[in-house]
Amino acid sequence: MDTLVDENVQMIPIDRIAVLNPRERNKQKFRDIVDSISFVGLKKPIKVSRRNDKNGEDCYDLVYGQGRIEAFKMLDQTKIPAIVTDLPPEECYLMSLVENLARRHNRPMDLLGDILTLSERGYGRSEIAKKIGTSKEYVSDLLRLLRQGEERLIAAVEHNQIPISVAIEIANSDDKDIQRALTDAYERN
């Protein structure tokens, strides 16, 4: 199996790489990745950030390339070509989110889960809004709905069935029956 190699790319042990933002992938698309690497070789290296483990040895946080790592494992490879950087884990996670968002058609709940994760990792609403291209108020409203467990309302907002302002009003109702009736009524126009 031929692999891409140049002066900026290092061969690193796969078992020393931590995937910070794992995701599931379509089995057929994954099989296509494996077949491509098997026949043609790796066209683009993965990207990782170096850090030291508790013994002071090099290990790596994945920035992008989870599918390629999994394909290499399936092909019984122990090392993979990687662009190695030195970034803090939070930046690696954020870059991984951006890469995943750019590569796939996201389910709305995936993006919302990522927003919640960023918030839990200490990113402010303004920072999150800037990174995902929305307003701070929108992020605040989504986080409020997420923390209240309002998945049905979030799904309605993401499918353009109700505006987020209406979802917030519904969520603020103390009576679950009223919430359900308001949501149903709005969805039926």
N, C-alpha and C. Protein backbone atom coordinates (compact mmCIF):
# COMPACT_ATOMS: atom_id res chain seq x y z
N MET A 1 0.85 -1.18 0.00
CA MET A 1 0.00 0.00 0.00
C MET A 1 0.88 1.23 0.00
N ASP A 2 0.74 2.09 -1.01
CA ASP A 2 1.49 3.34 -1.07
C ASP A 2 0.79 4.37 -0.19
N THR A 3 1.60 5.21 0.45
CA THR A 3 1.03 6.29 1.23
C THR A 3 1.73 7.58 0.89
N LEU A 4 1.05 8.66 1.12
CA LEU A 4 1.58 9.99 0.88
C LEU A 4 2.68 10.28 1.89
N VAL A 5 3.82 10.75 1.44
CA VAL A 5 4.90 11.11 2.35
C VAL A 5 5.59 12.36 1.81
N ASP A 6 5.78 13.36 2.67
CA ASP A 6 6.60 14.51 2.33
C ASP A 6 7.26 15.00 3.61
N GLU A 7 8.04 16.07 3.52
CA GLU A 7 8.82 16.50 4.68
C GLU A 7 7.97 17.03 5.83
N ASN A 8 6.73 17.41 5.59
CA ASN A 8 5.86 17.92 6.66
C ASN A 8 5.02 16.83 7.31
N VAL A 9 5.12 15.63 6.81
CA VAL A 9 4.28 14.54 7.28
C VAL A 9 5.15 13.52 8.01
N GLN A 10 4.65 13.09 9.18
CA GLN A 10 5.36 12.10 9.97
C GLN A 10 4.54 10.82 10.05
N MET A 11 5.22 9.70 10.11
CA MET A 11 4.54 8.43 10.37
C MET A 11 4.42 8.28 11.88
N ILE A 12 3.17 8.16 12.37
CA ILE A 12 2.98 8.05 13.81
C ILE A 12 2.18 6.78 14.13
N PRO A 13 2.37 6.23 15.33
CA PRO A 13 1.64 5.02 15.72
C PRO A 13 0.16 5.32 15.93
N ILE A 14 -0.67 4.52 15.31
CA ILE A 14 -2.12 4.71 15.41
C ILE A 14 -2.60 4.56 16.84
N ASP A 15 -1.99 3.65 17.59
CA ASP A 15 -2.46 3.40 18.95
C ASP A 15 -2.11 4.53 19.93
N ARG A 16 -1.41 5.56 19.46
CA ARG A 16 -1.06 6.71 20.30
C ARG A 16 -1.96 7.92 20.01
N ILE A 17 -3.03 7.70 19.20
CA ILE A 17 -3.90 8.79 18.79
C ILE A 17 -5.23 8.70 19.54
N ALA A 18 -5.63 9.82 20.15
CA ALA A 18 -6.93 9.91 20.83
C ALA A 18 -7.89 10.67 19.93
N VAL A 19 -9.07 10.10 19.70
CA VAL A 19 -10.11 10.75 18.90
C VAL A 19 -10.99 11.55 19.86
N LEU A 20 -10.88 12.87 19.80
CA LEU A 20 -11.60 13.75 20.73
C LEU A 20 -13.07 13.90 20.39
N ASN A 21 -13.39 13.79 19.12
CA ASN A 21 -14.76 14.03 18.66
C ASN A 21 -15.19 12.88 17.75
N PRO A 22 -15.39 11.67 18.32
CA PRO A 22 -15.72 10.53 17.46
C PRO A 22 -17.11 10.67 16.85
N ARG A 23 -17.25 10.09 15.67
CA ARG A 23 -18.57 10.08 15.04
C ARG A 23 -18.73 8.78 14.27
N GLU A 24 -19.98 8.40 14.11
CA GLU A 24 -20.29 7.22 13.32
C GLU A 24 -20.34 7.63 11.86
N ARG A 25 -20.06 6.67 10.98
CA ARG A 25 -20.08 6.98 9.56
C ARG A 25 -20.88 5.94 8.81
N ASN A 26 -21.32 6.31 7.65
CA ASN A 26 -22.05 5.44 6.76
C ASN A 26 -21.16 4.26 6.39
N LYS A 27 -21.67 3.02 6.54
CA LYS A 27 -20.85 1.83 6.29
C LYS A 27 -20.36 1.75 4.86
N GLN A 28 -21.22 2.11 3.89
CA GLN A 28 -20.78 2.05 2.49
C GLN A 28 -19.71 3.08 2.20
N LYS A 29 -19.86 4.30 2.72
CA LYS A 29 -18.84 5.32 2.52
C LYS A 29 -17.52 4.91 3.17
N PHE A 30 -17.63 4.29 4.35
CA PHE A 30 -16.43 3.82 5.02
C PHE A 30 -15.74 2.74 4.20
N ARG A 31 -16.54 1.81 3.66
CA ARG A 31 -15.97 0.75 2.82
C ARG A 31 -15.26 1.36 1.60
N ASP A 32 -15.83 2.43 1.06
CA ASP A 32 -15.20 3.13 -0.07
C ASP A 32 -13.85 3.73 0.33
N ILE A 33 -13.76 4.26 1.54
CA ILE A 33 -12.50 4.81 2.04
C ILE A 33 -11.45 3.70 2.14
N VAL A 34 -11.85 2.58 2.72
CA VAL A 34 -10.93 1.44 2.87
C VAL A 34 -10.45 0.97 1.51
N ASP A 35 -11.38 0.81 0.57
CA ASP A 35 -11.01 0.34 -0.77
C ASP A 35 -10.06 1.32 -1.46
N SER A 36 -10.35 2.60 -1.35
CA SER A 36 -9.51 3.63 -1.97
C SER A 36 -8.09 3.58 -1.40
N ILE A 37 -7.98 3.53 -0.09
CA ILE A 37 -6.66 3.48 0.54
C ILE A 37 -5.95 2.19 0.16
N SER A 38 -6.68 1.11 0.11
CA SER A 38 -6.09 -0.18 -0.24
C SER A 38 -5.53 -0.17 -1.67
N PHE A 39 -6.26 0.42 -2.61
CA PHE A 39 -5.87 0.40 -4.01
C PHE A 39 -4.93 1.54 -4.40
N VAL A 40 -5.20 2.75 -3.90
CA VAL A 40 -4.48 3.93 -4.35
C VAL A 40 -3.47 4.44 -3.32
N GLY A 41 -3.71 4.15 -2.06
CA GLY A 41 -2.90 4.71 -0.98
C GLY A 41 -3.60 5.91 -0.38
N LEU A 42 -3.00 6.45 0.65
CA LEU A 42 -3.58 7.60 1.34
C LEU A 42 -3.29 8.87 0.55
N LYS A 43 -4.34 9.60 0.19
CA LYS A 43 -4.18 10.82 -0.60
C LYS A 43 -3.91 12.04 0.28
N LYS A 44 -4.48 12.04 1.47
CA LYS A 44 -4.34 13.18 2.37
C LYS A 44 -4.05 12.65 3.77
N PRO A 45 -2.97 13.13 4.39
CA PRO A 45 -2.67 12.65 5.75
C PRO A 45 -3.70 13.15 6.75
N ILE A 46 -3.74 12.50 7.89
CA ILE A 46 -4.57 12.98 8.99
C ILE A 46 -3.85 14.17 9.63
N LYS A 47 -4.53 14.84 10.55
CA LYS A 47 -3.88 15.93 11.28
C LYS A 47 -4.06 15.67 12.77
N VAL A 48 -2.96 15.81 13.50
CA VAL A 48 -2.98 15.57 14.94
C VAL A 48 -2.22 16.68 15.65
N SER A 49 -2.44 16.76 16.95
CA SER A 49 -1.67 17.66 17.80
C SER A 49 -0.92 16.83 18.82
N ARG A 50 0.37 17.09 18.93
CA ARG A 50 1.22 16.33 19.85
C ARG A 50 1.00 16.79 21.30
N ARG A 51 1.01 15.84 22.18
CA ARG A 51 1.02 16.12 23.62
C ARG A 51 1.80 15.00 24.28
N ASN A 52 2.05 15.12 25.56
CA ASN A 52 2.76 14.07 26.29
C ASN A 52 1.80 13.33 27.20
N ASP A 53 1.95 12.02 27.27
CA ASP A 53 1.13 11.25 28.20
C ASP A 53 1.74 11.35 29.60
N LYS A 54 1.20 10.63 30.56
CA LYS A 54 1.66 10.75 31.95
C LYS A 54 3.10 10.27 32.13
N ASN A 55 3.61 9.49 31.19
CA ASN A 55 5.00 9.02 31.24
C ASN A 55 5.94 9.92 30.44
N GLY A 56 5.42 11.02 29.90
CA GLY A 56 6.24 11.94 29.12
C GLY A 56 6.46 11.51 27.68
N GLU A 57 5.76 10.47 27.23
CA GLU A 57 5.91 9.99 25.86
C GLU A 57 4.93 10.71 24.94
N ASP A 58 5.32 10.81 23.66
CA ASP A 58 4.44 11.45 22.68
C ASP A 58 3.15 10.66 22.50
N CYS A 59 2.05 11.38 22.52
CA CYS A 59 0.77 10.86 22.09
C CYS A 59 0.10 12.01 21.34
N TYR A 60 -1.06 11.76 20.76
CA TYR A 60 -1.63 12.74 19.84
C TYR A 60 -3.14 12.84 20.00
N ASP A 61 -3.65 14.06 19.84
CA ASP A 61 -5.09 14.30 19.76
C ASP A 61 -5.44 14.49 18.30
N LEU A 62 -6.46 13.79 17.83
CA LEU A 62 -6.86 13.88 16.44
C LEU A 62 -7.57 15.19 16.15
N VAL A 63 -7.15 15.87 15.09
CA VAL A 63 -7.84 17.06 14.60
C VAL A 63 -8.81 16.64 13.51
N TYR A 64 -8.32 15.86 12.52
CA TYR A 64 -9.21 15.29 11.51
C TYR A 64 -8.58 14.03 10.93
N GLY A 65 -9.46 13.13 10.44
CA GLY A 65 -8.99 11.91 9.80
C GLY A 65 -9.43 10.62 10.46
N GLN A 66 -10.49 10.66 11.27
CA GLN A 66 -10.94 9.46 11.97
C GLN A 66 -11.23 8.31 11.00
N GLY A 67 -11.88 8.59 9.89
CA GLY A 67 -12.20 7.55 8.92
C GLY A 67 -10.95 6.91 8.34
N ARG A 68 -9.94 7.74 8.09
CA ARG A 68 -8.68 7.22 7.55
C ARG A 68 -7.96 6.34 8.58
N ILE A 69 -8.03 6.76 9.86
CA ILE A 69 -7.42 5.93 10.92
C ILE A 69 -8.13 4.58 10.98
N GLU A 70 -9.45 4.60 10.98
CA GLU A 70 -10.21 3.35 11.04
C GLU A 70 -9.93 2.47 9.83
N ALA A 71 -9.76 3.09 8.67
CA ALA A 71 -9.44 2.33 7.46
C ALA A 71 -8.06 1.69 7.60
N PHE A 72 -7.08 2.45 8.09
CA PHE A 72 -5.74 1.89 8.28
C PHE A 72 -5.78 0.72 9.26
N LYS A 73 -6.55 0.85 10.33
CA LYS A 73 -6.69 -0.26 11.28
C LYS A 73 -7.27 -1.48 10.58
N MET A 74 -8.30 -1.26 9.77
CA MET A 74 -8.94 -2.37 9.07
C MET A 74 -7.95 -3.04 8.12
N LEU A 75 -7.00 -2.26 7.62
CA LEU A 75 -5.98 -2.80 6.70
C LEU A 75 -4.73 -3.28 7.46
N ASP A 76 -4.88 -3.46 8.78
CA ASP A 76 -3.82 -3.99 9.65
C ASP A 76 -2.55 -3.15 9.65
N GLN A 77 -2.71 -1.83 9.51
CA GLN A 77 -1.57 -0.92 9.58
C GLN A 77 -1.41 -0.44 11.02
N THR A 78 -0.19 -0.20 11.45
CA THR A 78 0.06 0.26 12.82
C THR A 78 0.49 1.72 12.87
N LYS A 79 0.91 2.27 11.73
CA LYS A 79 1.30 3.68 11.65
C LYS A 79 0.55 4.34 10.51
N ILE A 80 0.41 5.68 10.62
CA ILE A 80 -0.31 6.43 9.61
C ILE A 80 0.39 7.77 9.37
N PRO A 81 0.43 8.25 8.14
CA PRO A 81 1.00 9.58 7.88
C PRO A 81 0.13 10.67 8.51
N ALA A 82 0.82 11.60 9.19
CA ALA A 82 0.09 12.66 9.89
C ALA A 82 0.83 13.98 9.83
N ILE A 83 0.07 15.04 9.68
CA ILE A 83 0.58 16.39 9.88
C ILE A 83 0.51 16.62 11.38
N VAL A 84 1.64 16.92 12.00
CA VAL A 84 1.69 17.06 13.46
C VAL A 84 1.81 18.53 13.83
N THR A 85 0.90 18.97 14.70
CA THR A 85 0.89 20.35 15.18
C THR A 85 0.97 20.33 16.70
N ASP A 86 1.04 21.50 17.29
CA ASP A 86 1.03 21.63 18.75
C ASP A 86 -0.08 22.60 19.13
N LEU A 87 -1.25 22.06 19.41
CA LEU A 87 -2.42 22.87 19.75
C LEU A 87 -2.98 22.40 21.09
N PRO A 88 -3.64 23.28 21.83
CA PRO A 88 -4.30 22.83 23.06
C PRO A 88 -5.48 21.91 22.71
N PRO A 89 -5.82 20.97 23.61
CA PRO A 89 -6.91 20.03 23.33
C PRO A 89 -8.23 20.70 22.94
N GLU A 90 -8.55 21.84 23.55
CA GLU A 90 -9.80 22.54 23.23
C GLU A 90 -9.81 22.99 21.78
N GLU A 91 -8.65 23.47 21.30
CA GLU A 91 -8.55 23.92 19.92
C GLU A 91 -8.66 22.73 18.96
N CYS A 92 -8.05 21.60 19.34
CA CYS A 92 -8.16 20.37 18.53
C CYS A 92 -9.62 19.96 18.41
N TYR A 93 -10.32 19.98 19.53
CA TYR A 93 -11.74 19.59 19.54
C TYR A 93 -12.54 20.53 18.64
N LEU A 94 -12.29 21.81 18.77
CA LEU A 94 -13.02 22.78 17.96
C LEU A 94 -12.73 22.60 16.48
N MET A 95 -11.46 22.40 16.13
CA MET A 95 -11.11 22.19 14.73
C MET A 95 -11.76 20.90 14.20
N SER A 96 -11.83 19.89 15.06
CA SER A 96 -12.47 18.63 14.68
C SER A 96 -13.95 18.86 14.40
N LEU A 97 -14.61 19.64 15.25
CA LEU A 97 -16.02 19.95 15.03
C LEU A 97 -16.22 20.66 13.69
N VAL A 98 -15.39 21.66 13.44
CA VAL A 98 -15.50 22.42 12.20
C VAL A 98 -15.28 21.51 11.00
N GLU A 99 -14.28 20.65 11.08
CA GLU A 99 -13.99 19.71 9.99
C GLU A 99 -15.18 18.78 9.75
N ASN A 100 -15.73 18.23 10.82
CA ASN A 100 -16.88 17.34 10.68
C ASN A 100 -18.09 18.07 10.10
N LEU A 101 -18.30 19.29 10.56
CA LEU A 101 -19.43 20.07 10.04
C LEU A 101 -19.26 20.36 8.56
N ALA A 102 -18.04 20.60 8.15
CA ALA A 102 -17.79 20.91 6.74
C ALA A 102 -17.92 19.68 5.85
N ARG A 103 -17.65 18.50 6.37
CA ARG A 103 -17.61 17.29 5.57
C ARG A 103 -18.95 16.58 5.43
N ARG A 104 -19.84 16.79 6.33
CA ARG A 104 -21.05 15.96 6.31
C ARG A 104 -22.30 16.81 6.33
N HIS A 105 -23.37 16.16 5.95
CA HIS A 105 -24.69 16.77 6.11
C HIS A 105 -25.10 16.45 7.54
N ASN A 106 -25.13 17.48 8.35
CA ASN A 106 -25.36 17.27 9.78
C ASN A 106 -26.82 17.12 10.11
N ARG A 107 -27.06 16.23 11.03
CA ARG A 107 -28.38 16.19 11.63
C ARG A 107 -28.43 17.34 12.63
N PRO A 108 -29.54 18.04 12.70
CA PRO A 108 -29.61 19.19 13.61
C PRO A 108 -29.23 18.84 15.04
N MET A 109 -29.62 17.68 15.53
CA MET A 109 -29.30 17.33 16.92
C MET A 109 -27.80 17.14 17.12
N ASP A 110 -27.07 16.74 16.08
CA ASP A 110 -25.62 16.62 16.19
C ASP A 110 -25.00 17.99 16.45
N LEU A 111 -25.41 18.99 15.67
CA LEU A 111 -24.90 20.34 15.84
C LEU A 111 -25.26 20.86 17.23
N LEU A 112 -26.47 20.60 17.67
CA LEU A 112 -26.90 21.07 18.98
C LEU A 112 -26.08 20.41 20.08
N GLY A 113 -25.81 19.14 19.92
CA GLY A 113 -24.96 18.44 20.90
C GLY A 113 -23.57 19.04 20.94
N ASP A 114 -23.05 19.41 19.76
CA ASP A 114 -21.74 20.05 19.70
C ASP A 114 -21.76 21.41 20.38
N ILE A 115 -22.83 22.16 20.21
CA ILE A 115 -22.97 23.47 20.87
C ILE A 115 -22.97 23.29 22.38
N LEU A 116 -23.73 22.30 22.85
CA LEU A 116 -23.79 22.03 24.29
C LEU A 116 -22.41 21.62 24.81
N THR A 117 -21.70 20.79 24.07
CA THR A 117 -20.37 20.35 24.48
C THR A 117 -19.41 21.53 24.58
N LEU A 118 -19.44 22.42 23.59
CA LEU A 118 -18.59 23.60 23.64
C LEU A 118 -18.90 24.46 24.87
N SER A 119 -20.18 24.61 25.16
CA SER A 119 -20.58 25.38 26.33
C SER A 119 -20.07 24.73 27.61
N GLU A 120 -20.20 23.41 27.68
CA GLU A 120 -19.73 22.69 28.87
C GLU A 120 -18.21 22.74 29.01
N ARG A 121 -17.51 22.95 27.90
CA ARG A 121 -16.04 23.05 27.94
C ARG A 121 -15.58 24.47 28.22
N GLY A 122 -16.53 25.36 28.50
CA GLY A 122 -16.16 26.70 28.92
C GLY A 122 -16.22 27.79 27.87
N TYR A 123 -16.64 27.45 26.65
CA TYR A 123 -16.77 28.49 25.63
C TYR A 123 -18.01 29.31 25.93
N GLY A 124 -17.89 30.62 25.79
CA GLY A 124 -19.02 31.51 26.01
C GLY A 124 -19.96 31.50 24.81
N ARG A 125 -21.16 32.03 25.04
CA ARG A 125 -22.15 32.06 23.97
C ARG A 125 -21.68 32.87 22.76
N SER A 126 -20.99 33.97 23.03
CA SER A 126 -20.47 34.80 21.92
C SER A 126 -19.43 34.04 21.11
N GLU A 127 -18.54 33.33 21.80
CA GLU A 127 -17.51 32.55 21.10
C GLU A 127 -18.14 31.46 20.24
N ILE A 128 -19.12 30.76 20.81
CA ILE A 128 -19.79 29.68 20.07
C ILE A 128 -20.51 30.26 18.86
N ALA A 129 -21.23 31.35 19.07
CA ALA A 129 -21.97 31.98 17.98
C ALA A 129 -21.04 32.37 16.84
N LYS A 130 -19.91 32.94 17.17
CA LYS A 130 -18.95 33.36 16.15
C LYS A 130 -18.42 32.15 15.38
N LYS A 131 -18.15 31.05 16.09
CA LYS A 131 -17.57 29.87 15.45
C LYS A 131 -18.56 29.15 14.54
N ILE A 132 -19.86 29.22 14.87
CA ILE A 132 -20.84 28.50 14.04
C ILE A 132 -21.66 29.43 13.15
N GLY A 133 -21.37 30.73 13.24
CA GLY A 133 -22.01 31.68 12.33
C GLY A 133 -23.46 32.01 12.66
N THR A 134 -23.77 32.13 13.95
CA THR A 134 -25.12 32.53 14.35
C THR A 134 -25.01 33.66 15.37
N SER A 135 -26.14 34.09 15.88
CA SER A 135 -26.13 35.15 16.90
C SER A 135 -25.96 34.56 18.30
N LYS A 136 -25.47 35.38 19.21
CA LYS A 136 -25.32 34.98 20.61
C LYS A 136 -26.69 34.64 21.20
N GLU A 137 -27.71 35.39 20.81
CA GLU A 137 -29.05 35.15 21.33
C GLU A 137 -29.58 33.78 20.89
N TYR A 138 -29.31 33.43 19.64
CA TYR A 138 -29.75 32.13 19.12
C TYR A 138 -29.07 31.01 19.90
N VAL A 139 -27.77 31.14 20.13
CA VAL A 139 -27.04 30.13 20.91
C VAL A 139 -27.61 30.05 22.32
N SER A 140 -27.89 31.20 22.93
CA SER A 140 -28.47 31.22 24.28
C SER A 140 -29.81 30.49 24.32
N ASP A 141 -30.66 30.77 23.34
CA ASP A 141 -31.97 30.13 23.28
C ASP A 141 -31.83 28.61 23.08
N LEU A 142 -30.94 28.21 22.17
CA LEU A 142 -30.75 26.77 21.95
C LEU A 142 -30.23 26.08 23.20
N LEU A 143 -29.27 26.70 23.87
CA LEU A 143 -28.73 26.10 25.10
C LEU A 143 -29.81 25.98 26.17
N ARG A 144 -30.65 26.98 26.24
CA ARG A 144 -31.75 26.94 27.21
C ARG A 144 -32.68 25.76 26.91
N LEU A 145 -33.05 25.59 25.64
CA LEU A 145 -33.92 24.47 25.27
C LEU A 145 -33.22 23.13 25.51
N LEU A 146 -31.94 23.06 25.19
CA LEU A 146 -31.19 21.81 25.39
C LEU A 146 -31.14 21.44 26.86
N ARG A 147 -30.85 22.41 27.68
CA ARG A 147 -30.72 22.14 29.13
C ARG A 147 -32.06 21.80 29.77
N GLN A 148 -33.15 22.23 29.14
CA GLN A 148 -34.48 21.89 29.65
C GLN A 148 -34.98 20.57 29.07
N GLY A 149 -34.19 19.94 28.21
CA GLY A 149 -34.59 18.66 27.62
C GLY A 149 -35.73 18.78 26.61
N GLU A 150 -35.76 19.87 25.87
CA GLU A 150 -36.85 20.15 24.93
C GLU A 150 -36.51 19.69 23.51
N GLU A 151 -36.17 18.41 23.34
CA GLU A 151 -35.77 17.90 22.04
C GLU A 151 -36.85 18.08 20.96
N ARG A 152 -38.11 17.89 21.35
CA ARG A 152 -39.20 18.03 20.36
C ARG A 152 -39.29 19.47 19.85
N LEU A 153 -39.16 20.42 20.75
CA LEU A 153 -39.20 21.82 20.34
C LEU A 153 -37.97 22.18 19.50
N ILE A 154 -36.82 21.68 19.87
CA ILE A 154 -35.60 21.93 19.11
C ILE A 154 -35.75 21.37 17.70
N ALA A 155 -36.27 20.16 17.61
CA ALA A 155 -36.47 19.55 16.28
C ALA A 155 -37.43 20.39 15.45
N ALA A 156 -38.49 20.91 16.07
CA ALA A 156 -39.45 21.76 15.35
C ALA A 156 -38.78 23.04 14.86
N VAL A 157 -37.91 23.62 15.70
CA VAL A 157 -37.17 24.83 15.28
C VAL A 157 -36.25 24.50 14.11
N GLU A 158 -35.50 23.42 14.23
CA GLU A 158 -34.53 23.06 13.20
C GLU A 158 -35.19 22.68 11.88
N HIS A 159 -36.43 22.22 11.92
CA HIS A 159 -37.16 21.88 10.69
C HIS A 159 -38.04 23.03 10.21
N ASN A 160 -37.80 24.22 10.79
CA ASN A 160 -38.54 25.43 10.42
C ASN A 160 -40.05 25.29 10.60
N GLN A 161 -40.46 24.50 11.58
CA GLN A 161 -41.89 24.37 11.87
C GLN A 161 -42.36 25.46 12.82
N ILE A 162 -41.45 25.90 13.71
CA ILE A 162 -41.77 27.01 14.61
C ILE A 162 -40.52 27.87 14.79
N PRO A 163 -40.71 29.16 15.00
CA PRO A 163 -39.56 30.01 15.28
C PRO A 163 -39.03 29.74 16.70
N ILE A 164 -37.77 30.02 16.90
CA ILE A 164 -37.17 29.74 18.21
C ILE A 164 -37.85 30.55 19.31
N SER A 165 -38.32 31.75 18.99
CA SER A 165 -39.00 32.56 20.01
C SER A 165 -40.26 31.88 20.52
N VAL A 166 -40.99 31.22 19.62
CA VAL A 166 -42.19 30.48 20.01
C VAL A 166 -41.79 29.25 20.84
N ALA A 167 -40.73 28.58 20.44
CA ALA A 167 -40.26 27.42 21.18
C ALA A 167 -39.90 27.80 22.62
N ILE A 168 -39.26 28.94 22.78
CA ILE A 168 -38.90 29.42 24.13
C ILE A 168 -40.17 29.69 24.94
N GLU A 169 -41.15 30.34 24.33
CA GLU A 169 -42.42 30.61 25.03
C GLU A 169 -43.11 29.32 25.46
N ILE A 170 -43.11 28.34 24.57
CA ILE A 170 -43.72 27.05 24.89
C ILE A 170 -42.96 26.39 26.04
N ALA A 171 -41.63 26.41 25.96
CA ALA A 171 -40.80 25.77 26.99
C ALA A 171 -40.98 26.45 28.35
N ASN A 172 -41.30 27.75 28.34
CA ASN A 172 -41.47 28.48 29.61
C ASN A 172 -42.79 28.16 30.30
N SER A 173 -43.70 27.51 29.59
CA SER A 173 -44.96 27.12 30.22
C SER A 173 -44.68 26.03 31.25
N ASP A 174 -45.33 26.14 32.40
CA ASP A 174 -45.13 25.15 33.47
C ASP A 174 -45.94 23.88 33.25
N ASP A 175 -46.95 23.96 32.42
CA ASP A 175 -47.86 22.83 32.22
C ASP A 175 -47.49 22.06 30.96
N LYS A 176 -47.12 20.78 31.13
CA LYS A 176 -46.69 19.94 29.99
C LYS A 176 -47.82 19.77 28.97
N ASP A 177 -49.06 19.68 29.42
CA ASP A 177 -50.17 19.54 28.47
C ASP A 177 -50.32 20.80 27.62
N ILE A 178 -50.13 21.96 28.23
CA ILE A 178 -50.20 23.21 27.48
C ILE A 178 -49.04 23.26 26.48
N GLN A 179 -47.85 22.85 26.92
CA GLN A 179 -46.70 22.82 26.01
C GLN A 179 -47.01 21.96 24.78
N ARG A 180 -47.51 20.77 25.02
CA ARG A 180 -47.80 19.84 23.93
C ARG A 180 -48.88 20.42 23.00
N ALA A 181 -49.93 21.01 23.58
CA ALA A 181 -51.01 21.57 22.77
C ALA A 181 -50.52 22.76 21.94
N LEU A 182 -49.72 23.63 22.53
CA LEU A 182 -49.19 24.77 21.79
C LEU A 182 -48.29 24.32 20.65
N THR A 183 -47.43 23.33 20.91
CA THR A 183 -46.55 22.82 19.87
C THR A 183 -47.34 22.21 18.74
N ASP A 184 -48.33 21.36 19.08
CA ASP A 184 -49.17 20.72 18.06
C ASP A 184 -49.92 21.77 17.25
N ALA A 185 -50.47 22.77 17.94
CA ALA A 185 -51.24 23.81 17.24
C ALA A 185 -50.34 24.59 16.29
N TYR A 186 -49.17 24.94 16.74
CA TYR A 186 -48.30 25.71 15.88
C TYR A 186 -47.84 24.91 14.67
N GLU A 187 -47.52 23.62 14.89
CA GLU A 187 -47.08 22.76 13.80
C GLU A 187 -48.19 22.58 12.74
N ARG A 188 -49.44 22.66 13.17
CA ARG A 188 -50.57 22.54 12.23
C ARG A 188 -51.03 23.89 11.71
N ASN A 189 -50.27 24.92 12.00
CA ASN A 189 -50.60 26.29 11.61
C ASN A 189 -51.88 26.78 12.27
